């Protein structure tokens, strides 16, 4: 059923504090709540609705994308956008707030690394768990490397999405990147006569440093610049440093993309020193201008371990990841897991296999990529006048380089106005020459994101312009 645009009763007020896309999305949600748009109803095309309400087509497109992301609409290629069957409870709590209502006092977090996840389960997600429920309970301990079917599908995913050609025999299923790192450090700890030192990017992923310390490894900080880890600085690491942990596709948190020349230099360093490169490819699904560069692991497969995770796609609570490792390390890790009873969950693995098989993984990535691409551009447009931006065009966050003291003041101003904004200093373990703020835009709803960005711009104007 196709409804004429005027049946949506969408009112747009340019004096309203809400952005135009948010007003359009709110109007459509209200029409669904009133029953004007029932399940299966086909919405007007973006061109028709934009002409009816007198707005740019891009405004309506953004509103539709948000509603698809939230689970209100179903986008069907070549057919249009249709209302999904949304339970009444969901409709009730998502009813739009009237313009005259006072805003609810609630803090907004711009922490990086938290992804968008659908507010309601997709049909593929439900089907995946129905498949799990139809299978008999696992009666014995599973393969400590993971189910063969899942490892085969992960190998296929890595080949087509990352150009990393591998096989199921080289893959170990984990509960996430940190679990994978723990397994690697445990395997490397068995090397007698080697000082246990992990070289880490600085600024870098604090959880990786915390794990290394917990494992009684020493941490050696290696500086980063706008192109990621500075490979030449590895020369200052202790002799025979067994491992270096890097995030070359989108350095965490500064956003640097390691160019191919530096990747090759890192591979050469690993060969010459006998060290292991631990490559954490935590958000490589999200690039908005260029295709991902080849993985470091592809350049030096015998001296590198590749870590992947679903935490930036399906959500951190799923607790699933994988590693690609040389055969000797796979054997050592699986032997250890079997000995201590560290087995991956069979039901979760079956569900992930179903999602990969049915294409839900790819659909989730495409939907999230559209949202993040739009927000990446909004952040760049709003903040570029204040200084150098890093990490633009990829991932779920952007860094604005600032003096450390200024970054602290801006974060404090935002905090006083209900916006939690981390600084680079939070990810720094030893002194660096640069500071900045880290703007995460993954999981915040559009209207809250717009408000947070306005508060941030006001704080920057106060500190840098006045």
Protein backbone atom coordinates (compact mmCIF):
# COMPACT_ATOMS: atom_id res chain seq x y z
CA UNK A 1 0.00 0.00 0.00
CA UNK A 2 1.45 3.37 -1.04
CA UNK A 3 0.24 6.37 0.89
CA UNK A 4 0.26 9.90 -0.53
CA UNK A 5 2.83 12.16 1.12
CA UNK A 6 0.27 14.49 2.71
CA UNK A 7 -1.24 11.58 4.65
CA UNK A 8 1.88 11.54 6.81
CA UNK A 9 0.93 14.87 8.39
CA UNK A 10 4.58 15.87 8.87
CA UNK A 11 5.03 19.36 10.28
CA UNK A 12 8.45 20.99 9.96
CA UNK A 13 9.39 24.07 11.94
CA UNK A 14 12.71 25.70 11.05
CA UNK A 15 12.69 27.49 14.42
CA UNK A 16 12.60 24.15 16.23
CA UNK A 17 15.83 23.23 18.05
CA UNK A 18 15.66 19.76 16.47
CA UNK A 19 17.44 19.30 13.15
CA UNK A 20 15.33 18.90 10.02
CA UNK A 21 16.10 15.17 9.58
CA UNK A 22 15.16 14.56 13.22
CA UNK A 23 11.84 16.41 12.73
CA UNK A 24 11.01 14.34 9.65
CA UNK A 25 11.93 11.11 11.43
CA UNK A 26 9.85 12.13 14.47
CA UNK A 27 6.89 12.88 12.21
CA UNK A 28 7.05 9.45 10.58
CA UNK A 29 7.37 7.72 13.97
CA UNK A 30 4.28 9.65 15.14
CA UNK A 31 2.36 8.58 12.00
CA UNK A 32 3.24 4.96 12.76
CA UNK A 33 2.12 5.37 16.39
CA UNK A 34 -1.21 6.91 15.29
CA UNK A 35 -1.82 4.01 12.94
CA UNK A 36 -1.67 6.16 9.83
CA UNK A 37 1.17 3.94 8.62
CA UNK A 38 0.56 0.30 9.41
CA UNK A 39 2.95 -2.65 9.10
CA UNK A 40 3.88 -3.19 5.47
CA UNK A 41 2.88 0.31 4.36
CA UNK A 42 5.15 1.71 1.65
CA UNK A 43 6.45 5.21 2.32
CA UNK A 44 6.64 7.87 -0.38
CA UNK A 45 9.91 8.11 -2.26
CA UNK A 46 12.46 10.53 -0.85
CA UNK A 47 11.92 12.73 -3.89
CA UNK A 48 8.13 12.86 -3.41
CA UNK A 49 8.25 13.51 0.33
CA UNK A 50 10.96 16.17 0.04
CA UNK A 51 8.87 18.02 -2.54
CA UNK A 52 5.75 17.77 -0.37
CA UNK A 53 7.36 19.17 2.79
CA UNK A 54 9.64 21.62 0.99
CA UNK A 55 12.98 20.20 2.12
CA UNK A 56 16.12 19.03 0.40
CA UNK A 57 15.99 15.38 -0.66
CA UNK A 58 19.12 14.69 1.42
CA UNK A 59 17.18 15.65 4.56
CA UNK A 60 14.52 13.03 3.89
CA UNK A 61 17.16 10.45 2.93
CA UNK A 62 18.90 10.96 6.27
CA UNK A 63 15.59 10.63 8.14
CA UNK A 64 14.79 7.39 6.30
CA UNK A 65 18.28 6.01 6.99
CA UNK A 66 17.87 6.73 10.69
CA UNK A 67 14.49 5.00 10.82
CA UNK A 68 15.87 2.00 8.96
CA UNK A 69 18.79 1.87 11.41
CA UNK A 70 16.41 2.03 14.39
CA UNK A 71 14.22 -0.75 13.03
CA UNK A 72 11.12 1.28 12.18
CA UNK A 73 11.47 0.87 8.41
CA UNK A 74 12.68 -1.85 6.09
CA UNK A 75 14.63 -0.64 3.03
CA UNK A 76 14.09 -2.89 0.03
CA UNK A 77 16.45 -2.32 -2.87
CA UNK A 78 14.62 -1.14 -5.98
CA UNK A 79 11.28 -1.11 -4.18
CA UNK A 80 11.34 1.53 -1.46
CA UNK A 81 10.94 1.85 2.30
CA UNK A 82 8.26 -0.08 4.19
CA UNK A 83 6.98 0.10 7.76
CA UNK A 84 8.11 -2.84 9.86
CA UNK A 85 5.87 -4.57 12.39
CA UNK A 86 7.00 -2.70 15.52
CA UNK A 87 5.62 -4.01 18.86
CA UNK A 88 3.41 -1.55 20.73
CA UNK A 89 5.87 -1.29 23.67
CA UNK A 90 8.56 -0.08 21.34
CA UNK A 91 6.21 2.44 19.74
CA UNK A 92 5.20 3.80 23.11
CA UNK A 93 8.67 4.49 24.44
CA UNK A 94 9.84 5.92 21.12
CA UNK A 95 6.96 8.38 20.70
CA UNK A 96 8.44 11.77 19.81
CA UNK A 97 8.65 14.43 22.49
CA UNK A 98 6.55 17.50 21.75
CA UNK A 99 8.51 20.60 20.85
CA UNK A 100 7.26 22.42 23.95
CA UNK A 101 8.31 19.65 26.35
CA UNK A 102 11.48 20.43 28.34
CA UNK A 103 14.52 18.32 27.42
CA UNK A 104 15.21 15.32 29.65
CA UNK A 105 18.37 15.76 31.68
CA UNK A 106 20.51 12.81 30.67
CA UNK A 107 24.21 12.59 30.01
CA UNK A 108 25.44 11.88 26.50
CA UNK A 109 28.60 9.84 26.03
CA UNK A 110 30.92 10.41 23.06
CA UNK A 111 33.22 7.57 24.05
CA UNK A 112 34.89 5.94 21.04
CA UNK A 113 34.51 2.32 20.10
CA UNK A 114 30.83 1.85 20.99
CA UNK A 115 28.91 0.78 17.87
CA UNK A 116 25.40 1.31 16.64
CA UNK A 117 23.27 -1.79 17.12
CA UNK A 118 19.65 -2.19 15.97
CA UNK A 119 17.13 -1.37 18.73
CA UNK A 120 15.12 -4.46 17.82
CA UNK A 121 16.20 -7.87 16.62
CA UNK A 122 16.32 -8.33 12.87
CA UNK A 123 14.57 -11.26 11.27
CA UNK A 124 17.95 -12.79 10.42
CA UNK A 125 19.07 -12.49 14.06
CA UNK A 126 15.89 -14.23 15.23
CA UNK A 127 16.30 -16.88 12.55
CA UNK A 128 19.90 -17.48 13.64
CA UNK A 129 18.79 -18.25 17.18
CA UNK A 130 15.92 -20.40 15.94
CA UNK A 131 18.56 -22.42 14.08
CA UNK A 132 20.51 -22.74 17.32
CA UNK A 133 17.40 -23.82 19.21
CA UNK A 134 16.63 -26.47 16.61
CA UNK A 135 20.06 -28.06 17.06
CA UNK A 136 20.65 -30.65 19.78
CA UNK A 137 22.57 -29.41 22.85
CA UNK A 138 26.32 -29.89 22.44
CA UNK A 139 27.05 -33.07 24.33
CA UNK A 140 30.83 -32.92 24.36
CA UNK A 141 33.52 -30.28 24.56
CA UNK A 142 33.90 -28.51 21.21
CA UNK A 143 37.02 -28.03 19.14
CA UNK A 144 39.14 -25.51 21.10
CA UNK A 145 39.90 -23.73 17.82
CA UNK A 146 36.21 -23.26 17.10
CA UNK A 147 33.62 -24.93 14.91
CA UNK A 148 34.96 -25.81 11.47
CA UNK A 149 31.92 -24.33 9.71
CA UNK A 150 32.38 -20.96 11.42
CA UNK A 151 36.12 -20.90 10.81
CA UNK A 152 35.53 -21.66 7.13
CA UNK A 153 33.03 -18.80 6.85
CA UNK A 154 35.40 -16.43 8.66
CA UNK A 155 38.16 -17.37 6.21
CA UNK A 156 35.81 -16.54 3.33
CA UNK A 157 34.87 -13.21 4.97
CA UNK A 158 38.50 -12.20 5.46
CA UNK A 159 39.37 -13.10 1.88
CA UNK A 160 36.63 -11.01 0.28
CA UNK A 161 36.48 -8.13 2.78
CA UNK A 162 40.15 -7.73 3.76
CA UNK A 163 42.15 -9.47 1.06
CA UNK A 164 43.59 -11.75 3.74
CA UNK A 165 43.73 -15.20 2.18
CA UNK A 166 43.77 -17.91 4.80
CA UNK A 167 42.16 -21.23 5.69
CA UNK A 168 40.09 -22.59 8.57
CA UNK A 169 43.17 -24.37 9.93
CA UNK A 170 44.85 -21.01 10.63
CA UNK A 171 41.86 -19.54 12.48
CA UNK A 172 41.06 -19.69 16.19
CA UNK A 173 37.69 -18.44 17.47
CA UNK A 174 37.93 -16.13 20.50
CA UNK A 175 35.61 -14.05 22.66
CA UNK A 176 37.13 -10.81 21.33
CA UNK A 177 40.38 -8.98 20.67
CA UNK A 178 41.60 -8.88 24.27
CA UNK A 179 40.94 -12.60 24.71
CA UNK A 180 42.89 -13.18 21.50
CA UNK A 181 45.76 -11.05 22.78
CA UNK A 182 45.76 -13.02 26.03
CA UNK A 183 46.01 -16.31 24.14
CA UNK A 184 48.91 -14.96 22.08
CA UNK A 185 50.85 -13.68 25.08
CA UNK A 186 50.30 -17.01 26.79
CA UNK A 187 51.69 -18.85 23.78
CA UNK A 188 54.69 -16.52 23.52
CA UNK A 189 55.36 -16.82 27.26
CA UNK A 190 56.46 -20.40 26.65
CA UNK A 191 59.53 -19.14 24.78
CA UNK A 192 62.36 -19.74 27.26
CA UNK A 193 65.15 -17.19 27.47
CA UNK A 194 63.18 -14.34 25.89
CA UNK A 195 62.42 -11.19 27.86
CA UNK A 196 58.66 -10.73 27.94
CA UNK A 197 58.24 -7.26 26.50
CA UNK A 198 55.23 -6.07 24.52
CA UNK A 199 55.82 -2.99 22.36
CA UNK A 200 52.65 -0.86 22.31
CA UNK A 201 51.49 2.26 20.49
CA UNK A 202 51.40 5.40 22.62
CA UNK A 203 48.72 6.76 22.73
CA UNK A 204 47.13 3.36 22.42
CA UNK A 205 44.63 0.81 23.62
CA UNK A 206 44.80 0.88 27.42
CA UNK A 207 43.19 -2.55 27.82
CA UNK A 208 46.05 -4.11 25.88
CA UNK A 209 48.58 -2.51 28.24
CA UNK A 210 46.55 -3.59 31.28
CA UNK A 211 46.44 -7.18 30.04
CA UNK A 212 50.18 -7.25 29.37
CA UNK A 213 50.86 -5.98 32.88
CA UNK A 214 48.48 -8.55 34.32
CA UNK A 215 50.39 -11.21 32.41
CA UNK A 216 53.60 -9.88 34.01
CA UNK A 217 54.92 -8.61 30.70
CA UNK A 218 56.80 -5.32 30.48
CA UNK A 219 55.29 -2.65 28.27
CA UNK A 220 57.49 -0.60 25.94
CA UNK A 221 55.79 2.53 24.59
CA UNK A 222 56.34 3.37 20.92
CA UNK A 223 55.22 6.82 19.69
CA UNK A 224 52.69 7.30 16.90
CA UNK A 225 52.20 10.09 14.39
CA UNK A 226 49.51 10.84 11.83
CA UNK A 227 50.46 7.61 9.99
CA UNK A 228 50.32 5.33 13.01
CA UNK A 229 53.15 3.58 14.84
CA UNK A 230 56.60 5.03 14.08
CA UNK A 231 58.47 1.88 13.06
CA UNK A 232 61.92 3.46 13.43
CA UNK A 233 61.22 3.97 17.13
CA UNK A 234 61.10 0.20 17.60
CA UNK A 235 64.89 0.32 17.52
CA UNK A 236 64.74 1.65 21.10
CA UNK A 237 62.88 -1.45 22.27
CA UNK A 238 64.81 -3.98 24.37
CA UNK A 239 66.73 -6.56 22.33
CA UNK A 240 64.68 -9.57 21.26
CA UNK A 241 61.35 -7.93 22.05
CA UNK A 242 59.01 -10.83 21.27
CA UNK A 243 55.91 -8.90 20.16
CA UNK A 244 54.48 -5.57 19.05
CA UNK A 245 50.77 -4.75 19.19
CA UNK A 246 49.52 -2.40 16.44
CA UNK A 247 46.26 -1.04 15.00
CA UNK A 248 47.50 -0.09 11.50
CA UNK A 249 44.16 0.30 9.69
CA UNK A 250 42.83 2.98 12.09
CA UNK A 251 45.26 3.62 14.92
CA UNK A 252 43.47 3.62 18.22
CA UNK A 253 42.71 6.28 19.23
CA UNK A 254 44.47 8.84 16.98
CA UNK A 255 43.00 7.44 13.76
CA UNK A 256 46.22 7.20 11.74
CA UNK A 257 46.26 4.98 8.65
CA UNK A 258 49.61 3.22 8.28
CA UNK A 259 50.75 3.54 4.64
CA UNK A 260 52.03 0.57 2.71
CA UNK A 261 55.68 1.62 2.97
CA UNK A 262 55.53 1.72 6.75
CA UNK A 263 53.66 -1.61 6.82
CA UNK A 264 56.45 -3.20 4.83
CA UNK A 265 59.04 -1.67 7.16
CA UNK A 266 57.19 -3.18 10.12
CA UNK A 267 57.14 -6.57 8.39
CA UNK A 268 60.89 -6.28 7.73
CA UNK A 269 61.50 -5.44 11.40
CA UNK A 270 59.60 -8.55 12.48
CA UNK A 271 61.59 -10.76 10.10
CA UNK A 272 64.93 -9.35 11.16
CA UNK A 273 64.25 -9.56 14.91
CA UNK A 274 62.17 -12.74 14.99
CA UNK A 275 59.37 -10.79 16.68
CA UNK A 276 55.63 -11.31 16.32
CA UNK A 277 53.33 -8.58 15.01
CA UNK A 278 49.91 -8.61 16.68
CA UNK A 279 47.61 -6.78 14.26
CA UNK A 280 44.30 -5.67 15.77
CA UNK A 281 41.94 -4.87 12.89
CA UNK A 282 39.17 -3.71 15.20
CA UNK A 283 37.05 -1.54 12.85
CA UNK A 284 38.36 -2.06 9.31
CA UNK A 285 34.79 -2.66 8.04
CA UNK A 286 34.23 1.07 8.25
CA UNK A 287 36.12 3.05 5.61
CA UNK A 288 34.26 5.78 3.75
CA UNK A 289 36.54 7.01 0.99
CA UNK A 290 39.04 4.33 0.03
CA UNK A 291 39.28 0.57 0.27
CA UNK A 292 41.29 -0.82 3.21
CA UNK A 293 45.01 -1.26 2.64
CA UNK A 294 46.43 -4.81 2.69
CA UNK A 295 46.80 -6.22 6.17
CA UNK A 296 50.28 -6.45 7.69
CA UNK A 297 49.54 -10.13 8.25
CA UNK A 298 49.21 -10.65 4.51
CA UNK A 299 52.71 -9.17 4.08
CA UNK A 300 54.37 -11.40 6.67
CA UNK A 301 52.05 -14.32 7.55
CA UNK A 302 54.76 -16.32 9.34
CA UNK A 303 55.53 -13.50 11.79
CA UNK A 304 52.09 -11.96 12.40
CA UNK A 305 48.81 -12.72 14.15
CA UNK A 306 45.62 -11.03 12.96
CA UNK A 307 42.83 -10.19 15.43
CA UNK A 308 39.22 -9.52 14.44
CA UNK A 309 36.02 -9.00 16.41
CA UNK A 310 32.27 -8.51 16.02
CA UNK A 311 32.22 -5.90 18.80
CA UNK A 312 32.07 -2.97 16.34
CA UNK A 313 29.35 -4.57 14.23
CA UNK A 314 26.99 -6.82 16.18
CA UNK A 315 28.02 -5.34 19.55
CA UNK A 316 30.51 -6.06 22.30
CA UNK A 317 28.00 -8.14 24.26
CA UNK A 318 28.05 -10.90 21.65
CA UNK A 319 31.58 -11.81 22.82
CA UNK A 320 32.97 -13.27 19.62
CA UNK A 321 36.16 -12.72 17.69
CA UNK A 322 38.88 -14.57 15.82
CA UNK A 323 42.55 -14.70 15.14
CA UNK A 324 44.62 -15.81 12.15
CA UNK A 325 47.94 -17.26 13.32
CA UNK A 326 50.87 -19.35 12.08
CA UNK A 327 50.33 -23.13 12.46
CA UNK A 328 52.76 -23.52 15.37
CA UNK A 329 50.92 -20.85 17.40
CA UNK A 330 47.49 -22.31 16.56
CA UNK A 331 48.68 -25.69 17.83
CA UNK A 332 50.09 -24.25 21.04
CA UNK A 333 46.98 -22.18 21.73
CA UNK A 334 44.54 -25.02 21.13
CA UNK A 335 46.56 -27.35 23.35
CA UNK A 336 46.47 -24.79 26.15
CA UNK A 337 42.75 -24.13 25.75
CA UNK A 338 42.00 -27.84 25.87
CA UNK A 339 44.14 -28.26 29.00
CA UNK A 340 42.43 -25.44 30.94
CA UNK A 341 38.91 -25.92 29.56
CA UNK A 342 38.82 -22.63 27.63
CA UNK A 343 36.32 -23.57 24.91
CA UNK A 344 34.35 -21.18 22.69
CA UNK A 345 30.56 -21.24 23.13
CA UNK A 346 28.90 -23.58 20.64
CA UNK A 347 25.50 -21.79 20.48
CA UNK A 348 27.11 -18.40 19.79
CA UNK A 349 29.29 -19.94 17.09
CA UNK A 350 26.27 -21.55 15.44
CA UNK A 351 24.41 -18.23 15.50
CA UNK A 352 27.37 -16.40 13.94
CA UNK A 353 27.63 -19.04 11.22
CA UNK A 354 23.97 -18.48 10.43
CA UNK A 355 24.43 -14.70 10.24
CA UNK A 356 27.37 -15.08 7.88
CA UNK A 357 25.56 -17.68 5.79
CA UNK A 358 22.37 -15.58 5.44
CA UNK A 359 24.20 -12.33 4.69
CA UNK A 360 23.06 -10.57 7.87
CA UNK A 361 26.64 -9.65 8.76
CA UNK A 362 27.07 -7.86 5.44
CA UNK A 363 23.70 -6.10 5.74
CA UNK A 364 24.52 -4.93 9.26
CA UNK A 365 27.87 -3.58 8.11
CA UNK A 366 26.32 -1.75 5.15
CA UNK A 367 23.63 -0.14 7.32
CA UNK A 368 26.09 0.95 10.00
CA UNK A 369 28.51 2.20 7.37
CA UNK A 370 25.88 4.58 5.97
CA UNK A 371 25.21 6.00 9.41
CA UNK A 372 28.89 6.39 10.31
CA UNK A 373 29.77 7.91 6.94
CA UNK A 374 27.16 10.63 7.42
CA UNK A 375 28.31 11.37 10.97
CA UNK A 376 31.96 11.35 9.95
CA UNK A 377 31.18 14.13 7.46
CA UNK A 378 29.14 16.10 10.01
CA UNK A 379 31.96 15.98 12.56
CA UNK A 380 34.55 16.99 9.97
CA UNK A 381 32.43 19.93 8.80
CA UNK A 382 31.78 21.13 12.37
CA UNK A 383 35.31 20.80 13.78
CA UNK A 384 37.75 21.37 10.90
CA UNK A 385 38.02 25.11 11.61
CA UNK A 386 39.41 24.40 15.08
CA UNK A 387 42.52 22.47 14.09
CA UNK A 388 43.89 19.26 12.60
CA UNK A 389 41.48 16.33 12.42
CA UNK A 390 42.72 12.75 12.37
CA UNK A 391 40.85 9.56 11.67
CA UNK A 392 38.44 11.23 9.25
CA UNK A 393 36.98 8.83 6.71
CA UNK A 394 37.10 5.69 8.83
CA UNK A 395 35.89 4.03 12.00
CA UNK A 396 33.55 5.30 14.70
CA UNK A 397 35.49 8.30 16.00
CA UNK A 398 37.50 11.37 15.00
CA UNK A 399 40.35 13.10 16.85
CA UNK A 400 40.81 16.86 17.00
CA UNK A 401 44.45 17.65 17.81
CA UNK A 402 44.71 20.30 20.54
CA UNK A 403 47.08 21.49 23.22
CA UNK A 404 46.72 19.14 26.19
CA UNK A 405 45.54 21.88 28.54
CA UNK A 406 43.01 23.15 26.02
CA UNK A 407 41.73 19.61 25.50
CA UNK A 408 41.24 19.24 29.26
CA UNK A 409 39.34 22.52 29.44
CA UNK A 410 37.09 21.65 26.49
CA UNK A 411 36.31 18.24 28.00
CA UNK A 412 35.52 19.90 31.35
CA UNK A 413 33.18 22.42 29.69
CA UNK A 414 31.39 19.61 27.89
CA UNK A 415 31.11 17.57 31.08
CA UNK A 416 29.51 20.53 32.85
CA UNK A 417 26.86 20.52 30.11
CA UNK A 418 26.12 16.80 30.25
CA UNK A 419 28.50 15.59 27.53
CA UNK A 420 31.17 13.02 28.38
CA UNK A 421 34.10 13.54 26.02
CA UNK A 422 37.42 11.70 26.39
CA UNK A 423 40.80 13.26 25.66
CA UNK A 424 43.88 11.69 24.08
CA UNK A 425 45.51 11.99 27.47
CA UNK A 426 43.26 9.15 28.67
CA UNK A 427 44.96 6.77 26.22
CA UNK A 428 48.49 8.04 26.85
CA UNK A 429 50.84 6.13 29.17
CA UNK A 430 54.01 8.19 28.76
CA UNK A 431 54.49 11.86 27.77
CA UNK A 432 53.70 12.82 24.16
CA UNK A 433 54.00 16.07 22.26
CA UNK A 434 50.33 16.25 21.28
CA UNK A 435 46.97 16.28 22.98
CA UNK A 436 43.43 16.33 21.70
CA UNK A 437 39.85 15.25 22.11
CA UNK A 438 38.34 12.00 20.85
CA UNK A 439 34.83 12.33 19.41
CA UNK A 440 33.03 8.99 19.28
CA UNK A 441 29.85 8.99 17.21
CA UNK A 442 28.89 5.32 17.03
CA UNK A 443 25.92 4.71 19.30
CA UNK A 444 24.34 8.11 19.96
CA UNK A 445 20.89 8.81 18.50
CA UNK A 446 20.80 11.58 15.89
CA UNK A 447 19.07 14.21 18.03
CA UNK A 448 21.37 13.57 21.00
CA UNK A 449 24.40 13.55 18.72
CA UNK A 450 23.39 16.92 17.25
CA UNK A 451 23.02 18.38 20.74
CA UNK A 452 26.38 16.99 21.86
CA UNK A 453 28.08 18.43 18.80
CA UNK A 454 26.57 21.87 19.45
CA UNK A 455 27.84 21.79 23.03
CA UNK A 456 31.30 20.76 21.82
CA UNK A 457 31.45 23.51 19.20
CA UNK A 458 30.40 26.09 21.80
CA UNK A 459 33.15 24.86 24.14
CA UNK A 460 35.75 25.08 21.37
CA UNK A 461 34.58 28.55 20.40
CA UNK A 462 34.93 29.61 24.02
CA UNK A 463 38.47 28.25 24.38
CA UNK A 464 39.95 28.87 20.94
CA UNK A 465 38.07 31.75 19.29
CA UNK A 466 37.18 34.20 22.05
